[in-house]
Amino acid sequence: MPKVRVAGFSISVDGFGAGPHQRLEDPLGQRGPELFQWFFPTKYFCDMVGKADGESGVDNDYAARAMSNFGAFILGRNMFGPVRGPWPNDEWKGWWGENPPYHAPTFILTHHARPPITMQGGTTFHFVTDGIESALRQAKAAAGDKDVKIGGGVAMVRQYLEINAVDEIHLAVSPVVLGRGENLLAGIDLAKLGFKVTEHAPTARATHIVLSKS
């Protein structure tokens, strides 16, 4: 049965999924890239950005799983780009160039309508203005028998957790303390939502934890 999943979501030891002061020059916030030091050296990431090498192993396995078997994605507007308010024009098409990594229908939550954007590689960005539940219905319909990925950022993942719409969470806990930023799980009772730890795997760069519904 298809699932709604959060996968490959990097957080600090103190629970932050992004640093403070996110902006065009610093899309992950101050010190945010430190959360992804497990991901950047993997073969999966290197292949994605056109590098010839990269590491195999546990981190790479989880990186590949974090983008596999998805028929649709949901992203918050901050994940799509730094533009705020009404769209000034159609120039901004995401952080990823002409061939984004999604290769499936991708639904962007926003308060400002915009026509869909068809990109190379099978990605089409759809802009949803009527809320998270509408985006999830559309994503499930588009995904068919594949899973839907709640791709972030932090605020959007929290919204889907708060309505108990997520079936599985893979967190990559990086060995870093941020102290400030956007906290993923503060005030959210995962046990009450039915989650239990079903996998955990430590590596030199992160501890991978999978939580699934009991």
C-alpha atoms as a PDB file:
ATOM      1  CA  MET A   1       0.000   0.000   0.000  1.00  0.00           C
ATOM      2  CA  PRO A   2       1.423   3.436  -0.893  1.00  0.00           C
ATOM      3  CA  LYS A   3       2.740   5.521   1.981  1.00  0.00           C
ATOM      4  CA  VAL A   4       3.217   9.170   2.799  1.00  0.00           C
ATOM      5  CA  ARG A   5       6.861   9.448   3.784  1.00  0.00           C
ATOM      6  CA  VAL A   6       9.386  11.916   5.108  1.00  0.00           C
ATOM      7  CA  ALA A   7      12.766  10.580   3.989  1.00  0.00           C
ATOM      8  CA  GLY A   8      16.379  11.680   4.229  1.00  0.00           C
ATOM      9  CA  PHE A   9      15.415  14.555   6.519  1.00  0.00           C
ATOM     10  CA  SER A  10      18.539  15.849   8.241  1.00  0.00           C
ATOM     11  CA  ILE A  11      18.349  17.282  11.748  1.00  0.00           C
ATOM     12  CA  SER A  12      20.842  18.304  14.384  1.00  0.00           C
ATOM     13  CA  VAL A  13      21.208  16.514  17.717  1.00  0.00           C
ATOM     14  CA  ASP A  14      19.053  19.265  19.249  1.00  0.00           C
ATOM     15  CA  GLY A  15      16.333  18.786  16.644  1.00  0.00           C
ATOM     16  CA  PHE A  16      16.851  21.624  14.166  1.00  0.00           C
ATOM     17  CA  GLY A  17      16.190  20.918  10.499  1.00  0.00           C
ATOM     18  CA  ALA A  18      17.464  24.293   9.246  1.00  0.00           C
ATOM     19  CA  GLY A  19      19.582  27.093  10.596  1.00  0.00           C
ATOM     20  CA  PRO A  20      18.334  30.639  11.205  1.00  0.00           C
ATOM     21  CA  HIS A  21      18.192  33.406   8.578  1.00  0.00           C
ATOM     22  CA  GLN A  22      17.445  31.399   5.427  1.00  0.00           C
ATOM     23  CA  ARG A  23      17.915  33.491   2.268  1.00  0.00           C
ATOM     24  CA  LEU A  24      19.010  33.254  -1.361  1.00  0.00           C
ATOM     25  CA  GLU A  25      22.709  33.200  -0.421  1.00  0.00           C
ATOM     26  CA  ASP A  26      22.108  30.814   2.499  1.00  0.00           C
ATOM     27  CA  PRO A  27      19.133  28.572   1.572  1.00  0.00           C
ATOM     28  CA  LEU A  28      19.662  26.156   4.485  1.00  0.00           C
ATOM     29  CA  GLY A  29      20.144  28.964   6.991  1.00  0.00           C
ATOM     30  CA  GLN A  30      23.264  29.733   8.957  1.00  0.00           C
ATOM     31  CA  ARG A  31      25.242  26.512   9.540  1.00  0.00           C
ATOM     32  CA  GLY A  32      22.486  24.552   7.808  1.00  0.00           C
ATOM     33  CA  PRO A  33      24.879  22.729   5.437  1.00  0.00           C
ATOM     34  CA  GLU A  34      26.475  21.070   8.474  1.00  0.00           C
ATOM     35  CA  LEU A  35      23.337  18.917   8.711  1.00  0.00           C
ATOM     36  CA  PHE A  36      24.055  17.331   5.323  1.00  0.00           C
ATOM     37  CA  GLN A  37      27.682  16.275   5.712  1.00  0.00           C
ATOM     38  CA  TRP A  38      26.482  12.658   5.663  1.00  0.00           C
ATOM     39  CA  PHE A  39      24.802  13.232   2.289  1.00  0.00           C
ATOM     40  CA  PHE A  40      27.248  15.299   0.250  1.00  0.00           C
ATOM     41  CA  PRO A  41      30.002  12.621   0.050  1.00  0.00           C
ATOM     42  CA  THR A  42      27.634   9.819  -1.079  1.00  0.00           C
ATOM     43  CA  LYS A  43      27.761   8.310  -4.521  1.00  0.00           C
ATOM     44  CA  TYR A  44      24.070   9.121  -4.895  1.00  0.00           C
ATOM     45  CA  PHE A  45      24.670  12.851  -4.387  1.00  0.00           C
ATOM     46  CA  CYS A  46      27.804  12.877  -6.542  1.00  0.00           C
ATOM     47  CA  ASP A  47      25.919  11.194  -9.388  1.00  0.00           C
ATOM     48  CA  MET A  48      23.100  13.716  -8.990  1.00  0.00           C
ATOM     49  CA  VAL A  49      25.431  16.713  -9.407  1.00  0.00           C
ATOM     50  CA  GLY A  50      27.602  15.147 -12.111  1.00  0.00           C
ATOM     51  CA  LYS A  51      30.663  14.230 -10.060  1.00  0.00           C
ATOM     52  CA  ALA A  52      32.582  11.099 -10.996  1.00  0.00           C
ATOM     53  CA  ASP A  53      33.171   9.593  -7.568  1.00  0.00           C
ATOM     54  CA  GLY A  54      31.391   9.297  -4.223  1.00  0.00           C
ATOM     55  CA  GLU A  55      31.153   6.898  -1.318  1.00  0.00           C
ATOM     56  CA  SER A  56      29.075   3.752  -1.105  1.00  0.00           C
ATOM     57  CA  GLY A  57      27.926   2.264   2.196  1.00  0.00           C
ATOM     58  CA  VAL A  58      25.144   2.902   4.692  1.00  0.00           C
ATOM     59  CA  ASP A  59      24.847   6.661   4.150  1.00  0.00           C
ATOM     60  CA  ASN A  60      24.618   6.128   0.401  1.00  0.00           C
ATOM     61  CA  ASP A  61      21.993   3.413   0.832  1.00  0.00           C
ATOM     62  CA  TYR A  62      19.791   5.737   2.883  1.00  0.00           C
ATOM     63  CA  ALA A  63      20.379   8.599   0.451  1.00  0.00           C
ATOM     64  CA  ALA A  64      19.158   6.453  -2.436  1.00  0.00           C
ATOM     65  CA  ARG A  65      16.149   5.218  -0.455  1.00  0.00           C
ATOM     66  CA  ALA A  66      15.241   8.815   0.359  1.00  0.00           C
ATOM     67  CA  MET A  67      14.448   9.430  -3.320  1.00  0.00           C
ATOM     68  CA  SER A  68      13.151   6.009  -4.403  1.00  0.00           C
ATOM     69  CA  ASN A  69       9.624   4.702  -5.092  1.00  0.00           C
ATOM     70  CA  PHE A  70       8.033   8.141  -5.051  1.00  0.00           C
ATOM     71  CA  GLY A  71       5.293   9.019  -7.515  1.00  0.00           C
ATOM     72  CA  ALA A  72       4.837  12.586  -6.278  1.00  0.00           C
ATOM     73  CA  PHE A  73       6.452  15.149  -3.991  1.00  0.00           C
ATOM     74  CA  ILE A  74       5.138  17.989  -1.832  1.00  0.00           C
ATOM     75  CA  LEU A  75       7.359  20.980  -1.050  1.00  0.00           C
ATOM     76  CA  GLY A  76       6.866  24.179   0.887  1.00  0.00           C
ATOM     77  CA  ARG A  77       7.436  27.404  -0.970  1.00  0.00           C
ATOM     78  CA  ASN A  78      10.714  28.032   0.856  1.00  0.00           C
ATOM     79  CA  MET A  79      11.993  24.712  -0.504  1.00  0.00           C
ATOM     80  CA  PHE A  80      11.156  25.854  -4.022  1.00  0.00           C
ATOM     81  CA  GLY A  81      12.913  29.191  -3.704  1.00  0.00           C
ATOM     82  CA  PRO A  82      13.552  32.409  -1.791  1.00  0.00           C
ATOM     83  CA  VAL A  83      10.929  34.553  -3.551  1.00  0.00           C
ATOM     84  CA  ARG A  84       8.368  36.012  -1.135  1.00  0.00           C
ATOM     85  CA  GLY A  85       4.887  37.399  -1.755  1.00  0.00           C
ATOM     86  CA  PRO A  86       3.300  37.484  -5.222  1.00  0.00           C
ATOM     87  CA  TRP A  87       5.426  36.033  -8.007  1.00  0.00           C
ATOM     88  CA  PRO A  88       7.091  39.015  -9.709  1.00  0.00           C
ATOM     89  CA  ASN A  89       7.551  37.034 -12.933  1.00  0.00           C
ATOM     90  CA  ASP A  90       8.032  33.461 -14.178  1.00  0.00           C
ATOM     91  CA  GLU A  91      11.833  33.496 -14.113  1.00  0.00           C
ATOM     92  CA  TRP A  92      12.386  31.534 -10.886  1.00  0.00           C
ATOM     93  CA  LYS A  93      11.995  27.791 -11.539  1.00  0.00           C
ATOM     94  CA  GLY A  94      13.603  26.317  -8.425  1.00  0.00           C
ATOM     95  CA  TRP A  95      17.095  25.793  -7.064  1.00  0.00           C
ATOM     96  CA  TRP A  96      17.957  22.847  -9.301  1.00  0.00           C
ATOM     97  CA  GLY A  97      18.348  24.079 -12.873  1.00  0.00           C
ATOM     98  CA  GLU A  98      16.482  22.669 -15.868  1.00  0.00           C
ATOM     99  CA  ASN A  99      16.476  19.057 -14.637  1.00  0.00           C
ATOM    100  CA  PRO A 100      15.337  18.941 -10.984  1.00  0.00           C
ATOM    101  CA  PRO A 101      15.940  15.721  -9.025  1.00  0.00           C
ATOM    102  CA  TYR A 102      12.256  14.825  -8.539  1.00  0.00           C
ATOM    103  CA  HIS A 103      11.294  13.338 -11.930  1.00  0.00           C
ATOM    104  CA  ALA A 104       7.631  13.247 -10.890  1.00  0.00           C
ATOM    105  CA  PRO A 105       4.752  15.657 -10.252  1.00  0.00           C
ATOM    106  CA  THR A 106       5.842  18.033  -7.482  1.00  0.00           C
ATOM    107  CA  PHE A 107       3.315  20.129  -5.586  1.00  0.00           C
ATOM    108  CA  ILE A 108       4.424  23.482  -4.146  1.00  0.00           C
ATOM    109  CA  LEU A 109       2.401  24.973  -1.286  1.00  0.00           C
ATOM    110  CA  THR A 110       1.952  28.705  -1.737  1.00  0.00           C
ATOM    111  CA  HIS A 111      -0.529  31.517  -1.157  1.00  0.00           C
ATOM    112  CA  HIS A 112       0.034  32.861  -4.669  1.00  0.00           C
ATOM    113  CA  ALA A 113      -1.183  31.096  -7.795  1.00  0.00           C
ATOM    114  CA  ARG A 114       1.104  30.325 -10.690  1.00  0.00           C
ATOM    115  CA  PRO A 115       0.739  28.126 -13.811  1.00  0.00           C
ATOM    116  CA  PRO A 116       2.428  24.693 -13.708  1.00  0.00           C
ATOM    117  CA  ILE A 117       6.033  24.507 -14.872  1.00  0.00           C
ATOM    118  CA  THR A 118       7.170  21.482 -16.894  1.00  0.00           C
ATOM    119  CA  MET A 119      10.873  20.780 -16.473  1.00  0.00           C
ATOM    120  CA  GLN A 120      13.267  18.266 -17.967  1.00  0.00           C
ATOM    121  CA  GLY A 121      13.375  14.706 -16.646  1.00  0.00           C
ATOM    122  CA  GLY A 122       9.673  14.342 -15.853  1.00  0.00           C
ATOM    123  CA  THR A 123       9.309  16.984 -13.120  1.00  0.00           C
ATOM    124  CA  THR A 124       6.271  19.241 -13.287  1.00  0.00           C
ATOM    125  CA  PHE A 125       5.837  21.852 -10.568  1.00  0.00           C
ATOM    126  CA  HIS A 126       2.208  22.455  -9.575  1.00  0.00           C
ATOM    127  CA  PHE A 127       1.384  25.390  -7.301  1.00  0.00           C
ATOM    128  CA  VAL A 128      -1.286  24.667  -4.692  1.00  0.00           C
ATOM    129  CA  THR A 129      -3.033  27.583  -3.004  1.00  0.00           C
ATOM    130  CA  ASP A 130      -5.822  25.811  -1.088  1.00  0.00           C
ATOM    131  CA  GLY A 131      -3.866  24.131   1.699  1.00  0.00           C
ATOM    132  CA  ILE A 132      -1.924  21.076   2.761  1.00  0.00           C
ATOM    133  CA  GLU A 133      -4.814  18.616   2.559  1.00  0.00           C
ATOM    134  CA  SER A 134      -5.575  19.613  -1.022  1.00  0.00           C
ATOM    135  CA  ALA A 135      -1.894  19.205  -1.917  1.00  0.00           C
ATOM    136  CA  LEU A 136      -1.872  15.745  -0.355  1.00  0.00           C
ATOM    137  CA  ARG A 137      -5.011  14.648  -2.242  1.00  0.00           C
ATOM    138  CA  GLN A 138      -3.513  15.828  -5.517  1.00  0.00           C
ATOM    139  CA  ALA A 139      -0.162  14.192  -4.792  1.00  0.00           C
ATOM    140  CA  LYS A 140      -1.761  10.846  -3.901  1.00  0.00           C
ATOM    141  CA  ALA A 141      -3.796  10.904  -7.102  1.00  0.00           C
ATOM    142  CA  ALA A 142      -0.685  11.696  -9.143  1.00  0.00           C
ATOM    143  CA  ALA A 143       1.480   9.085  -7.384  1.00  0.00           C
ATOM    144  CA  GLY A 144      -0.780   6.134  -8.148  1.00  0.00           C
ATOM    145  CA  ASP A 145       0.662   3.005  -6.537  1.00  0.00           C
ATOM    146  CA  LYS A 146       3.869   4.770  -5.482  1.00  0.00           C
ATOM    147  CA  ASP A 147       4.603   6.729  -2.306  1.00  0.00           C
ATOM    148  CA  VAL A 148       4.242  10.456  -1.712  1.00  0.00           C
ATOM    149  CA  LYS A 149       7.229  12.281  -0.232  1.00  0.00           C
ATOM    150  CA  ILE A 150       6.762  15.229   2.092  1.00  0.00           C
ATOM    151  CA  GLY A 151       9.961  16.970   1.122  1.00  0.00           C
ATOM    152  CA  GLY A 152      10.070  19.915   3.513  1.00  0.00           C
ATOM    153  CA  GLY A 153      10.917  22.370   4.768  1.00  0.00           C
ATOM    154  CA  VAL A 154      10.551  22.044   8.501  1.00  0.00           C
ATOM    155  CA  ALA A 155       7.314  24.019   8.887  1.00  0.00           C
ATOM    156  CA  MET A 156       5.541  21.982   6.233  1.00  0.00           C
ATOM    157  CA  VAL A 157       6.629  18.621   7.651  1.00  0.00           C
ATOM    158  CA  ARG A 158       5.371  19.764  11.042  1.00  0.00           C
ATOM    159  CA  GLN A 159       1.984  20.647   9.522  1.00  0.00           C
ATOM    160  CA  TYR A 160       1.584  17.179   8.042  1.00  0.00           C
ATOM    161  CA  LEU A 161       2.641  15.558  11.311  1.00  0.00           C
ATOM    162  CA  GLU A 162       0.130  17.686  13.196  1.00  0.00           C
ATOM    163  CA  ILE A 163      -2.735  16.305  11.079  1.00  0.00           C
ATOM    164  CA  ASN A 164      -1.303  12.776  11.421  1.00  0.00           C
ATOM    165  CA  ALA A 165      -0.888  12.350   7.664  1.00  0.00           C
ATOM    166  CA  VAL A 166       2.628  10.829   7.663  1.00  0.00           C
ATOM    167  CA  ASP A 167       3.188   7.048   7.676  1.00  0.00           C
ATOM    168  CA  GLU A 168       6.980   6.870   7.890  1.00  0.00           C
ATOM    169  CA  ILE A 169       9.845   9.194   8.835  1.00  0.00           C
ATOM    170  CA  HIS A 170      13.532   8.715   8.087  1.00  0.00           C
ATOM    171  CA  LEU A 171      15.681  11.131  10.059  1.00  0.00           C
ATOM    172  CA  ALA A 172      19.413  11.521   9.545  1.00  0.00           C
ATOM    173  CA  VAL A 173      20.625  12.879  12.881  1.00  0.00           C
ATOM    174  CA  SER A 174      23.883  14.721  12.257  1.00  0.00           C
ATOM    175  CA  PRO A 175      26.441  15.044  15.083  1.00  0.00           C
ATOM    176  CA  VAL A 176      26.144  18.797  15.348  1.00  0.00           C
ATOM    177  CA  VAL A 177      24.369  21.175  17.740  1.00  0.00           C
ATOM    178  CA  LEU A 178      22.833  24.240  16.069  1.00  0.00           C
ATOM    179  CA  GLY A 179      21.132  25.871  19.043  1.00  0.00           C
ATOM    180  CA  ARG A 180      18.924  28.008  16.796  1.00  0.00           C
ATOM    181  CA  GLY A 181      16.835  27.642  13.670  1.00  0.00           C
ATOM    182  CA  GLU A 182      13.709  25.645  12.836  1.00  0.00           C
ATOM    183  CA  ASN A 183      13.044  22.752  15.215  1.00  0.00           C
ATOM    184  CA  LEU A 184      11.333  19.785  13.598  1.00  0.00           C
ATOM    185  CA  LEU A 185       9.778  17.947  16.526  1.00  0.00           C
ATOM    186  CA  ALA A 186       9.327  20.465  19.344  1.00  0.00           C
ATOM    187  CA  GLY A 187       5.867  19.950  20.843  1.00  0.00           C
ATOM    188  CA  ILE A 188       4.996  16.997  18.572  1.00  0.00           C
ATOM    189  CA  ASP A 189       4.177  13.726  20.369  1.00  0.00           C
ATOM    190  CA  LEU A 190       5.413  11.046  17.965  1.00  0.00           C
ATOM    191  CA  ALA A 191       4.398   8.241  20.318  1.00  0.00           C
ATOM    192  CA  LYS A 192       0.829   9.541  20.500  1.00  0.00           C
ATOM    193  CA  LEU A 193       0.777   9.660  16.695  1.00  0.00           C
ATOM    194  CA  GLY A 194       1.666   5.958  16.666  1.00  0.00           C
ATOM    195  CA  PHE A 195       5.310   6.072  15.626  1.00  0.00           C
ATOM    196  CA  LYS A 196       7.904   3.567  16.786  1.00  0.00           C
ATOM    197  CA  VAL A 197      11.563   3.226  15.858  1.00  0.00           C
ATOM    198  CA  THR A 198      11.787   0.416  13.302  1.00  0.00           C
ATOM    199  CA  GLU A 199      15.376   0.967  12.095  1.00  0.00           C
ATOM    200  CA  HIS A 200      18.482   2.686  13.409  1.00  0.00           C
ATOM    201  CA  ALA A 201      21.931   2.664  11.870  1.00  0.00           C
ATOM    202  CA  PRO A 202      24.872   4.783  13.067  1.00  0.00           C
ATOM    203  CA  THR A 203      27.644   5.820  10.690  1.00  0.00           C
ATOM    204  CA  ALA A 204      30.630   8.092  11.047  1.00  0.00           C
ATOM    205  CA  ARG A 205      28.590  11.071   9.814  1.00  0.00           C
ATOM    206  CA  ALA A 206      25.025  10.509  11.037  1.00  0.00           C
ATOM    207  CA  THR A 207      22.629   8.206  12.829  1.00  0.00           C
ATOM    208  CA  HIS A 208      19.798   7.079  10.579  1.00  0.00           C
ATOM    209  CA  ILE A 209      16.502   6.509  12.378  1.00  0.00           C
ATOM    210  CA  VAL A 210      13.314   5.250  10.712  1.00  0.00           C
ATOM    211  CA  LEU A 211      10.027   5.682  12.548  1.00  0.00           C
ATOM    212  CA  SER A 212       6.922   3.870  11.332  1.00  0.00           C
ATOM    213  CA  LYS A 213       3.338   3.609  12.509  1.00  0.00           C
ATOM    214  CA  SER A 214       2.666   0.705  14.852  1.00  0.00           C
END
